[in-house]
Amino acid sequence: MTAYRFTVEKQGISGRSESARAIPELKGDSLPPYSRGATHAAIATATIAGLVLIGWYWDIEVLKRIAPGLVAMNPMTAVTFLIAASCLGNFAGHKRQLHAARSLRVGRVCALLVGLVGAVQLIGIVSGHDLHFDRWLFRAKIAADGESNTIAPNMAFNFLLIGSALFFLPARNRRLSAAACVFAFISGFEAILVILGFSFLCASSDPRRTKHDHEDQCSESKSL
């Protein structure tokens, strides 16, 4: 009887679907190191995006922007970051084979939405027919803010890269997995360049300029 049960389980005739058996089960409550890191990154990103949306809803300026005088994060940008965080956390957090196939589908839908936001914004910028979908949320508050608060071209390009990386992240094909790594690396490298350039521009301002001029310069660089 024991030998028969072993043979049945070895052949996979235990009622599990092929998609569920394709992903190894993680026993216990612990996750692999890379999954824990991805989960923490997803939580941090979702927290920041959620705080930004709370700031827009309740008009809390300190939550909408890093410092006074800087351009606030666009609400649609925060929503897209929230979707990306949900996608990453969904891929990293599932521990049961029973939910693996569903997690994969939900995660890839989220990845497509992130990439779609970037693609639509880039197409609108290139073609000149901007849909202004980045002003669908809190339109009146954005207009009253008196600043050019839109999804910048580099941010739209990053969303396209991030969405592509997340979509190919769980792929079994090595080429697709490598493409996901390349997309993520390019996105991260571009973001680091923007941060370094922004910091250098703000730090190297002429001391003879007024504080107002200094804030305007930083705001302009942030909107690029």
C-alpha atoms as a PDB file:
ATOM      1  CA  MET A   1       0.000   0.000   0.000  1.00  0.00           C
ATOM      2  CA  THR A   2       2.829   2.350   0.883  1.00  0.00           C
ATOM      3  CA  ALA A   3       4.646   1.541  -2.355  1.00  0.00           C
ATOM      4  CA  TYR A   4       1.450   2.211  -4.335  1.00  0.00           C
ATOM      5  CA  ARG A   5       0.950   5.625  -2.684  1.00  0.00           C
ATOM      6  CA  PHE A   6       4.566   6.536  -3.388  1.00  0.00           C
ATOM      7  CA  THR A   7       4.127   5.640  -7.065  1.00  0.00           C
ATOM      8  CA  VAL A   8       0.948   7.681  -7.378  1.00  0.00           C
ATOM      9  CA  GLU A   9       2.512  10.734  -5.757  1.00  0.00           C
ATOM     10  CA  LYS A  10       5.638  10.379  -7.871  1.00  0.00           C
ATOM     11  CA  GLN A  11       3.578  10.361 -11.056  1.00  0.00           C
ATOM     12  CA  GLY A  12       1.748  13.496  -9.938  1.00  0.00           C
ATOM     13  CA  ILE A  13      -1.725  11.914  -9.719  1.00  0.00           C
ATOM     14  CA  SER A  14      -2.663  13.756  -6.553  1.00  0.00           C
ATOM     15  CA  GLY A  15      -5.304  16.163  -7.853  1.00  0.00           C
ATOM     16  CA  ARG A  16      -2.946  19.087  -8.357  1.00  0.00           C
ATOM     17  CA  SER A  17      -2.994  21.038 -11.570  1.00  0.00           C
ATOM     18  CA  GLU A  18       0.014  21.272 -13.839  1.00  0.00           C
ATOM     19  CA  SER A  19       0.344  25.023 -13.273  1.00  0.00           C
ATOM     20  CA  ALA A  20       0.316  24.559  -9.514  1.00  0.00           C
ATOM     21  CA  ARG A  21       2.927  21.796  -9.553  1.00  0.00           C
ATOM     22  CA  ALA A  22       5.166  23.915 -11.777  1.00  0.00           C
ATOM     23  CA  ILE A  23       5.936  26.292  -8.895  1.00  0.00           C
ATOM     24  CA  PRO A  24       7.641  24.744  -5.867  1.00  0.00           C
ATOM     25  CA  GLU A  25       5.819  24.985  -2.569  1.00  0.00           C
ATOM     26  CA  LEU A  26       7.448  27.008   0.182  1.00  0.00           C
ATOM     27  CA  LYS A  27       7.027  25.135   3.421  1.00  0.00           C
ATOM     28  CA  GLY A  28       6.343  26.954   6.634  1.00  0.00           C
ATOM     29  CA  ASP A  29       5.867  30.677   7.068  1.00  0.00           C
ATOM     30  CA  SER A  30       9.294  31.733   5.803  1.00  0.00           C
ATOM     31  CA  LEU A  31      10.110  33.008   2.329  1.00  0.00           C
ATOM     32  CA  PRO A  32      13.385  32.798   0.400  1.00  0.00           C
ATOM     33  CA  PRO A  33      15.705  35.820   0.847  1.00  0.00           C
ATOM     34  CA  TYR A  34      14.920  37.248  -2.595  1.00  0.00           C
ATOM     35  CA  SER A  35      11.194  36.943  -1.906  1.00  0.00           C
ATOM     36  CA  ARG A  36      11.543  38.714   1.438  1.00  0.00           C
ATOM     37  CA  GLY A  37      13.476  41.537  -0.202  1.00  0.00           C
ATOM     38  CA  ALA A  38      10.889  41.900  -2.954  1.00  0.00           C
ATOM     39  CA  THR A  39       8.101  41.863  -0.378  1.00  0.00           C
ATOM     40  CA  HIS A  40       9.772  44.605   1.654  1.00  0.00           C
ATOM     41  CA  ALA A  41      10.317  46.690  -1.489  1.00  0.00           C
ATOM     42  CA  ALA A  42       6.670  46.252  -2.454  1.00  0.00           C
ATOM     43  CA  ILE A  43       5.494  47.288   1.015  1.00  0.00           C
ATOM     44  CA  ALA A  44       7.738  50.370   1.019  1.00  0.00           C
ATOM     45  CA  THR A  45       6.581  51.435  -2.449  1.00  0.00           C
ATOM     46  CA  ALA A  46       2.916  50.888  -1.622  1.00  0.00           C
ATOM     47  CA  THR A  47       3.293  52.849   1.613  1.00  0.00           C
ATOM     48  CA  ILE A  48       4.841  55.855  -0.124  1.00  0.00           C
ATOM     49  CA  ALA A  49       2.244  55.789  -2.906  1.00  0.00           C
ATOM     50  CA  GLY A  50      -0.573  55.493  -0.374  1.00  0.00           C
ATOM     51  CA  LEU A  51       0.750  58.443   1.634  1.00  0.00           C
ATOM     52  CA  VAL A  52       0.904  60.557  -1.520  1.00  0.00           C
ATOM     53  CA  LEU A  53      -2.724  59.766  -2.341  1.00  0.00           C
ATOM     54  CA  ILE A  54      -3.724  60.578   1.242  1.00  0.00           C
ATOM     55  CA  GLY A  55      -1.885  63.861   0.875  1.00  0.00           C
ATOM     56  CA  TRP A  56      -3.844  64.726  -2.267  1.00  0.00           C
ATOM     57  CA  TYR A  57      -7.165  63.705  -0.741  1.00  0.00           C
ATOM     58  CA  TRP A  58      -6.711  65.580   2.550  1.00  0.00           C
ATOM     59  CA  ASP A  59      -4.532  68.417   1.137  1.00  0.00           C
ATOM     60  CA  ILE A  60      -1.504  67.503   3.254  1.00  0.00           C
ATOM     61  CA  GLU A  61       1.374  69.147   1.434  1.00  0.00           C
ATOM     62  CA  VAL A  62       4.129  67.305   3.282  1.00  0.00           C
ATOM     63  CA  LEU A  63       2.797  64.001   1.938  1.00  0.00           C
ATOM     64  CA  LYS A  64       2.478  65.185  -1.660  1.00  0.00           C
ATOM     65  CA  ARG A  65       6.036  66.457  -2.090  1.00  0.00           C
ATOM     66  CA  ILE A  66       9.446  65.821  -0.554  1.00  0.00           C
ATOM     67  CA  ALA A  67      10.062  69.440   0.416  1.00  0.00           C
ATOM     68  CA  PRO A  68       8.327  72.816  -0.011  1.00  0.00           C
ATOM     69  CA  GLY A  69       8.885  74.289  -3.440  1.00  0.00           C
ATOM     70  CA  LEU A  70       9.249  70.928  -5.189  1.00  0.00           C
ATOM     71  CA  VAL A  71       6.715  69.550  -7.653  1.00  0.00           C
ATOM     72  CA  ALA A  72       4.250  67.197  -5.992  1.00  0.00           C
ATOM     73  CA  MET A  73       4.012  63.601  -7.160  1.00  0.00           C
ATOM     74  CA  ASN A  74       1.218  63.225  -9.681  1.00  0.00           C
ATOM     75  CA  PRO A  75      -1.731  61.203  -8.288  1.00  0.00           C
ATOM     76  CA  MET A  76      -1.741  58.870 -11.293  1.00  0.00           C
ATOM     77  CA  THR A  77       1.970  58.270 -10.749  1.00  0.00           C
ATOM     78  CA  ALA A  78       1.198  57.231  -7.174  1.00  0.00           C
ATOM     79  CA  VAL A  79      -1.572  54.896  -8.372  1.00  0.00           C
ATOM     80  CA  THR A  80       0.775  53.313 -10.915  1.00  0.00           C
ATOM     81  CA  PHE A  81       3.415  52.776  -8.242  1.00  0.00           C
ATOM     82  CA  LEU A  82       0.726  51.200  -6.074  1.00  0.00           C
ATOM     83  CA  ILE A  83      -0.212  48.784  -8.874  1.00  0.00           C
ATOM     84  CA  ALA A  84       3.453  47.924  -9.469  1.00  0.00           C
ATOM     85  CA  ALA A  85       3.930  47.270  -5.747  1.00  0.00           C
ATOM     86  CA  SER A  86       0.879  45.009  -5.739  1.00  0.00           C
ATOM     87  CA  CYS A  87       2.285  43.097  -8.705  1.00  0.00           C
ATOM     88  CA  LEU A  88       5.698  42.606  -7.107  1.00  0.00           C
ATOM     89  CA  GLY A  89       4.222  41.631  -3.756  1.00  0.00           C
ATOM     90  CA  ASN A  90       1.848  39.230  -5.472  1.00  0.00           C
ATOM     91  CA  PHE A  91       4.703  37.437  -7.239  1.00  0.00           C
ATOM     92  CA  ALA A  92       6.889  37.310  -4.133  1.00  0.00           C
ATOM     93  CA  GLY A  93       4.269  36.555  -1.515  1.00  0.00           C
ATOM     94  CA  HIS A  94       2.424  33.448  -2.709  1.00  0.00           C
ATOM     95  CA  LYS A  95       3.492  30.356  -0.755  1.00  0.00           C
ATOM     96  CA  ARG A  96       0.898  27.768  -1.716  1.00  0.00           C
ATOM     97  CA  GLN A  97       0.777  25.861  -4.958  1.00  0.00           C
ATOM     98  CA  LEU A  98      -3.009  26.103  -4.934  1.00  0.00           C
ATOM     99  CA  HIS A  99      -2.876  29.882  -5.470  1.00  0.00           C
ATOM    100  CA  ALA A 100       0.161  30.011  -7.753  1.00  0.00           C
ATOM    101  CA  ALA A 101      -1.730  30.123 -11.072  1.00  0.00           C
ATOM    102  CA  ARG A 102      -4.133  32.795  -9.846  1.00  0.00           C
ATOM    103  CA  SER A 103      -1.280  34.881  -8.440  1.00  0.00           C
ATOM    104  CA  LEU A 104       0.487  34.670 -11.776  1.00  0.00           C
ATOM    105  CA  ARG A 105      -2.556  35.903 -13.683  1.00  0.00           C
ATOM    106  CA  VAL A 106      -3.283  38.764 -11.296  1.00  0.00           C
ATOM    107  CA  GLY A 107       0.356  39.810 -11.241  1.00  0.00           C
ATOM    108  CA  ARG A 108       0.650  39.910 -14.997  1.00  0.00           C
ATOM    109  CA  VAL A 109      -2.530  41.955 -15.343  1.00  0.00           C
ATOM    110  CA  CYS A 110      -1.035  44.492 -12.906  1.00  0.00           C
ATOM    111  CA  ALA A 111       2.213  44.483 -14.890  1.00  0.00           C
ATOM    112  CA  LEU A 112       0.309  45.183 -18.106  1.00  0.00           C
ATOM    113  CA  LEU A 113      -1.461  48.121 -16.467  1.00  0.00           C
ATOM    114  CA  VAL A 114       1.851  49.621 -15.338  1.00  0.00           C
ATOM    115  CA  GLY A 115       3.340  49.266 -18.810  1.00  0.00           C
ATOM    116  CA  LEU A 116       0.164  50.631 -20.391  1.00  0.00           C
ATOM    117  CA  VAL A 117       0.372  53.827 -18.348  1.00  0.00           C
ATOM    118  CA  GLY A 118       3.890  54.462 -19.589  1.00  0.00           C
ATOM    119  CA  ALA A 119       3.098  53.551 -23.186  1.00  0.00           C
ATOM    120  CA  VAL A 120       0.000  55.758 -23.377  1.00  0.00           C
ATOM    121  CA  GLN A 121       1.849  58.729 -21.902  1.00  0.00           C
ATOM    122  CA  LEU A 122       4.806  58.315 -24.266  1.00  0.00           C
ATOM    123  CA  ILE A 123       2.533  57.958 -27.299  1.00  0.00           C
ATOM    124  CA  GLY A 124       0.668  61.093 -26.258  1.00  0.00           C
ATOM    125  CA  ILE A 125       3.917  63.050 -25.890  1.00  0.00           C
ATOM    126  CA  VAL A 126       5.344  61.903 -29.225  1.00  0.00           C
ATOM    127  CA  SER A 127       2.122  62.268 -31.225  1.00  0.00           C
ATOM    128  CA  GLY A 128       1.039  65.517 -29.602  1.00  0.00           C
ATOM    129  CA  HIS A 129      -2.391  64.084 -28.719  1.00  0.00           C
ATOM    130  CA  ASP A 130      -2.117  63.935 -24.963  1.00  0.00           C
ATOM    131  CA  LEU A 131      -5.119  62.272 -23.312  1.00  0.00           C
ATOM    132  CA  HIS A 132      -4.304  64.034 -20.006  1.00  0.00           C
ATOM    133  CA  PHE A 133      -5.178  60.833 -18.180  1.00  0.00           C
ATOM    134  CA  ASP A 134      -2.638  61.840 -15.544  1.00  0.00           C
ATOM    135  CA  ARG A 135      -5.148  64.522 -14.503  1.00  0.00           C
ATOM    136  CA  TRP A 136      -8.144  62.243 -14.152  1.00  0.00           C
ATOM    137  CA  LEU A 137      -7.597  62.134 -10.386  1.00  0.00           C
ATOM    138  CA  PHE A 138      -7.917  65.330  -8.361  1.00  0.00           C
ATOM    139  CA  ARG A 139      -8.187  67.429 -11.523  1.00  0.00           C
ATOM    140  CA  ALA A 140      -9.373  70.556  -9.677  1.00  0.00           C
ATOM    141  CA  LYS A 141      -6.662  70.292  -7.033  1.00  0.00           C
ATOM    142  CA  ILE A 142      -3.947  69.849  -9.659  1.00  0.00           C
ATOM    143  CA  ALA A 143      -5.190  72.925 -11.518  1.00  0.00           C
ATOM    144  CA  ALA A 144      -5.353  74.922  -8.289  1.00  0.00           C
ATOM    145  CA  ASP A 145      -1.806  73.868  -7.417  1.00  0.00           C
ATOM    146  CA  GLY A 146      -0.565  76.183 -10.158  1.00  0.00           C
ATOM    147  CA  GLU A 147       2.296  73.972 -11.386  1.00  0.00           C
ATOM    148  CA  SER A 148       2.947  71.653 -14.326  1.00  0.00           C
ATOM    149  CA  ASN A 149       2.034  68.404 -12.612  1.00  0.00           C
ATOM    150  CA  THR A 150       2.132  65.687 -15.235  1.00  0.00           C
ATOM    151  CA  ILE A 151       3.846  62.339 -15.732  1.00  0.00           C
ATOM    152  CA  ALA A 152       7.234  63.299 -17.156  1.00  0.00           C
ATOM    153  CA  PRO A 153       8.599  61.497 -20.244  1.00  0.00           C
ATOM    154  CA  ASN A 154      11.376  59.790 -18.264  1.00  0.00           C
ATOM    155  CA  MET A 155       8.836  58.588 -15.706  1.00  0.00           C
ATOM    156  CA  ALA A 156       6.592  57.247 -18.463  1.00  0.00           C
ATOM    157  CA  PHE A 157       9.568  55.431 -19.983  1.00  0.00           C
ATOM    158  CA  ASN A 158      10.386  53.958 -16.574  1.00  0.00           C
ATOM    159  CA  PHE A 159       6.812  52.726 -16.160  1.00  0.00           C
ATOM    160  CA  LEU A 160       7.063  50.999 -19.542  1.00  0.00           C
ATOM    161  CA  LEU A 161      10.309  49.321 -18.456  1.00  0.00           C
ATOM    162  CA  ILE A 162       8.980  48.389 -15.015  1.00  0.00           C
ATOM    163  CA  GLY A 163       5.793  46.934 -16.458  1.00  0.00           C
ATOM    164  CA  SER A 164       7.779  44.863 -18.960  1.00  0.00           C
ATOM    165  CA  ALA A 165      10.187  43.668 -16.260  1.00  0.00           C
ATOM    166  CA  LEU A 166       7.348  42.627 -13.958  1.00  0.00           C
ATOM    167  CA  PHE A 167       5.511  40.869 -16.786  1.00  0.00           C
ATOM    168  CA  PHE A 168       8.539  38.738 -17.703  1.00  0.00           C
ATOM    169  CA  LEU A 169       9.702  38.252 -14.113  1.00  0.00           C
ATOM    170  CA  PRO A 170       8.029  34.847 -13.514  1.00  0.00           C
ATOM    171  CA  ALA A 171       8.810  33.514 -17.007  1.00  0.00           C
ATOM    172  CA  ARG A 172      10.541  30.128 -17.212  1.00  0.00           C
ATOM    173  CA  ASN A 173      12.314  31.063 -20.418  1.00  0.00           C
ATOM    174  CA  ARG A 174      15.833  32.233 -19.595  1.00  0.00           C
ATOM    175  CA  ARG A 175      15.824  34.869 -22.317  1.00  0.00           C
ATOM    176  CA  LEU A 176      12.636  36.433 -21.001  1.00  0.00           C
ATOM    177  CA  SER A 177      13.966  36.327 -17.443  1.00  0.00           C
ATOM    178  CA  ALA A 178      17.165  37.990 -18.644  1.00  0.00           C
ATOM    179  CA  ALA A 179      15.091  40.635 -20.442  1.00  0.00           C
ATOM    180  CA  ALA A 180      13.248  41.361 -17.192  1.00  0.00           C
ATOM    181  CA  CYS A 181      16.588  41.907 -15.442  1.00  0.00           C
ATOM    182  CA  VAL A 182      17.791  44.207 -18.223  1.00  0.00           C
ATOM    183  CA  PHE A 183      14.596  46.285 -18.118  1.00  0.00           C
ATOM    184  CA  ALA A 184      14.820  46.609 -14.335  1.00  0.00           C
ATOM    185  CA  PHE A 185      18.501  47.572 -14.515  1.00  0.00           C
ATOM    186  CA  ILE A 186      17.882  50.283 -17.138  1.00  0.00           C
ATOM    187  CA  SER A 187      14.989  51.687 -15.125  1.00  0.00           C
ATOM    188  CA  GLY A 188      17.012  51.749 -11.908  1.00  0.00           C
ATOM    189  CA  PHE A 189      20.060  53.260 -13.614  1.00  0.00           C
ATOM    190  CA  GLU A 190      17.975  56.007 -15.213  1.00  0.00           C
ATOM    191  CA  ALA A 191      16.319  56.775 -11.878  1.00  0.00           C
ATOM    192  CA  ILE A 192      19.708  57.048 -10.159  1.00  0.00           C
ATOM    193  CA  LEU A 193      20.933  59.457 -12.841  1.00  0.00           C
ATOM    194  CA  VAL A 194      17.871  61.646 -12.352  1.00  0.00           C
ATOM    195  CA  ILE A 195      18.355  61.711  -8.569  1.00  0.00           C
ATOM    196  CA  LEU A 196      22.059  62.516  -8.862  1.00  0.00           C
ATOM    197  CA  GLY A 197      21.440  65.233 -11.436  1.00  0.00           C
ATOM    198  CA  PHE A 198      18.662  66.753  -9.376  1.00  0.00           C
ATOM    199  CA  SER A 199      20.787  66.741  -6.211  1.00  0.00           C
ATOM    200  CA  PHE A 200      23.776  68.253  -8.000  1.00  0.00           C
ATOM    201  CA  LEU A 201      21.684  70.982  -9.605  1.00  0.00           C
ATOM    202  CA  CYS A 202      20.094  72.002  -6.304  1.00  0.00           C
ATOM    203  CA  ALA A 203      23.382  71.841  -4.385  1.00  0.00           C
ATOM    204  CA  SER A 204      25.394  73.824  -6.942  1.00  0.00           C
ATOM    205  CA  SER A 205      23.067  76.797  -7.186  1.00  0.00           C
ATOM    206  CA  ASP A 206      24.601  80.282  -7.008  1.00  0.00           C
ATOM    207  CA  PRO A 207      24.585  81.508  -3.377  1.00  0.00           C
ATOM    208  CA  ARG A 208      23.806  85.044  -4.595  1.00  0.00           C
ATOM    209  CA  ARG A 209      20.432  83.848  -5.837  1.00  0.00           C
ATOM    210  CA  THR A 210      17.410  84.221  -3.658  1.00  0.00           C
ATOM    211  CA  LYS A 211      15.729  81.306  -1.957  1.00  0.00           C
ATOM    212  CA  HIS A 212      12.774  81.686  -4.294  1.00  0.00           C
ATOM    213  CA  ASP A 213      14.994  81.361  -7.385  1.00  0.00           C
ATOM    214  CA  HIS A 214      16.667  78.307  -5.861  1.00  0.00           C
ATOM    215  CA  GLU A 215      13.315  76.607  -5.299  1.00  0.00           C
ATOM    216  CA  ASP A 216      12.185  77.458  -8.837  1.00  0.00           C
ATOM    217  CA  GLN A 217      15.321  75.883 -10.292  1.00  0.00           C
ATOM    218  CA  CYS A 218      14.826  72.713  -8.282  1.00  0.00           C
ATOM    219  CA  SER A 219      11.170  72.565  -9.269  1.00  0.00           C
ATOM    220  CA  GLU A 220      12.005  72.880 -12.958  1.00  0.00           C
ATOM    221  CA  SER A 221      14.584  70.102 -12.755  1.00  0.00           C
ATOM    222  CA  LYS A 222      12.110  67.879 -10.898  1.00  0.00           C
ATOM    223  CA  SER A 223       9.512  68.298 -13.649  1.00  0.00           C
ATOM    224  CA  LEU A 224      11.928  67.145 -16.383  1.00  0.00           C
END
